[in-house]
């Protein structure tokens, strides 16, 4: 549960960190593009986090479908028939 929460959080914080590093790279050494290595690592972890979040969404959707199916199969409530 916590790993999925951290993965979902990283989907938003990862790109923010990368933008910050690009700005730092442009300010400190404009001729050298060292941020590409950080982008490679952050991108790799971002993809793994995305897959973890997608897996959790699929599992929750499947669980919701099973619950809906079980509720649908429960016997319906009989309605009272009026006397003729």
Protein backbone atom coordinates (compact mmCIF):
# COMPACT_ATOMS: atom_id res chain seq x y z
CA UNK A 1 0.00 0.00 0.00
CA UNK A 2 2.71 2.48 0.99
CA UNK A 3 4.86 1.59 -2.00
CA UNK A 4 1.97 2.36 -4.32
CA UNK A 5 1.32 5.65 -2.54
CA UNK A 6 4.98 6.65 -2.84
CA UNK A 7 4.99 5.61 -6.50
CA UNK A 8 1.92 7.78 -7.21
CA UNK A 9 3.58 10.69 -5.39
CA UNK A 10 6.77 10.25 -7.42
CA UNK A 11 4.79 10.52 -10.67
CA UNK A 12 4.34 14.18 -9.76
CA UNK A 13 7.56 14.96 -7.89
CA UNK A 14 9.92 13.26 -10.35
CA UNK A 15 9.31 15.69 -13.21
CA UNK A 16 9.53 18.65 -10.80
CA UNK A 17 12.94 17.45 -9.61
CA UNK A 18 14.04 16.99 -13.21
CA UNK A 19 12.98 20.53 -14.19
CA UNK A 20 14.91 21.86 -11.21
CA UNK A 21 18.01 19.92 -12.29
CA UNK A 22 17.69 21.22 -15.86
CA UNK A 23 17.60 24.79 -14.54
CA UNK A 24 20.63 24.13 -12.33
CA UNK A 25 22.46 22.57 -15.30
CA UNK A 26 21.71 25.56 -17.52
CA UNK A 27 22.89 28.02 -14.85
CA UNK A 28 26.05 26.24 -13.75
CA UNK A 29 27.45 24.64 -16.89
CA UNK A 30 25.61 25.60 -20.07
CA UNK A 31 28.15 23.90 -22.33
CA UNK A 32 27.96 20.53 -20.63
CA UNK A 33 24.74 18.53 -20.48
CA UNK A 34 25.22 16.45 -17.32
CA UNK A 35 21.50 16.43 -16.47
CA UNK A 36 20.90 13.71 -19.06
CA UNK A 37 22.23 11.08 -16.64
CA UNK A 38 19.94 12.26 -13.89
CA UNK A 39 17.08 12.30 -16.40
CA UNK A 40 17.87 8.72 -17.37
CA UNK A 41 17.71 7.53 -13.77
CA UNK A 42 14.62 9.55 -12.88
CA UNK A 43 12.91 8.43 -16.09
CA UNK A 44 13.63 4.78 -15.33
CA UNK A 45 12.22 5.06 -11.81
CA UNK A 46 9.26 7.08 -13.13
CA UNK A 47 8.34 4.27 -15.57
CA UNK A 48 8.54 1.69 -12.77
CA UNK A 49 6.36 3.90 -10.57
CA UNK A 50 3.84 4.32 -13.38
CA UNK A 51 3.61 0.55 -13.86
CA UNK A 52 3.13 0.05 -10.11
CA UNK A 53 0.28 2.59 -10.03
CA UNK A 54 -1.36 1.07 -13.13
CA UNK A 55 -1.16 -2.39 -11.53
CA UNK A 56 -2.84 -1.07 -8.37
CA UNK A 57 -5.61 0.58 -10.42
CA UNK A 58 -6.23 -2.65 -12.33
CA UNK A 59 -6.37 -4.67 -9.11
CA UNK A 60 -8.79 -2.21 -7.51
CA UNK A 61 -10.96 -2.24 -10.62
CA UNK A 62 -11.03 -6.04 -10.60
CA UNK A 63 -11.92 -6.07 -6.92
CA UNK A 64 -14.76 -3.60 -7.56
CA UNK A 65 -16.02 -5.80 -10.41
CA UNK A 66 -16.02 -8.90 -8.19
CA UNK A 67 -17.92 -7.06 -5.47
CA UNK A 68 -20.45 -5.78 -8.01
CA UNK A 69 -20.86 -9.29 -9.42
CA UNK A 70 -21.42 -10.77 -5.96
CA UNK A 71 -23.99 -8.12 -5.10
CA UNK A 72 -25.79 -8.74 -8.36
CA UNK A 73 -26.09 -12.50 -7.71
CA UNK A 74 -27.71 -12.09 -4.31
CA UNK A 75 -31.36 -13.19 -4.35
CA UNK A 76 -33.78 -10.37 -5.09
CA UNK A 77 -36.27 -9.26 -2.49
CA UNK A 78 -39.70 -10.73 -3.14
CA UNK A 79 -42.46 -8.24 -3.48
CA UNK A 80 -45.72 -8.92 -1.74
CA UNK A 81 -48.63 -9.74 -4.04
CA UNK A 82 -51.98 -8.18 -3.16
CA UNK A 83 -54.87 -10.53 -2.48
CA UNK A 84 -57.46 -10.89 -5.26
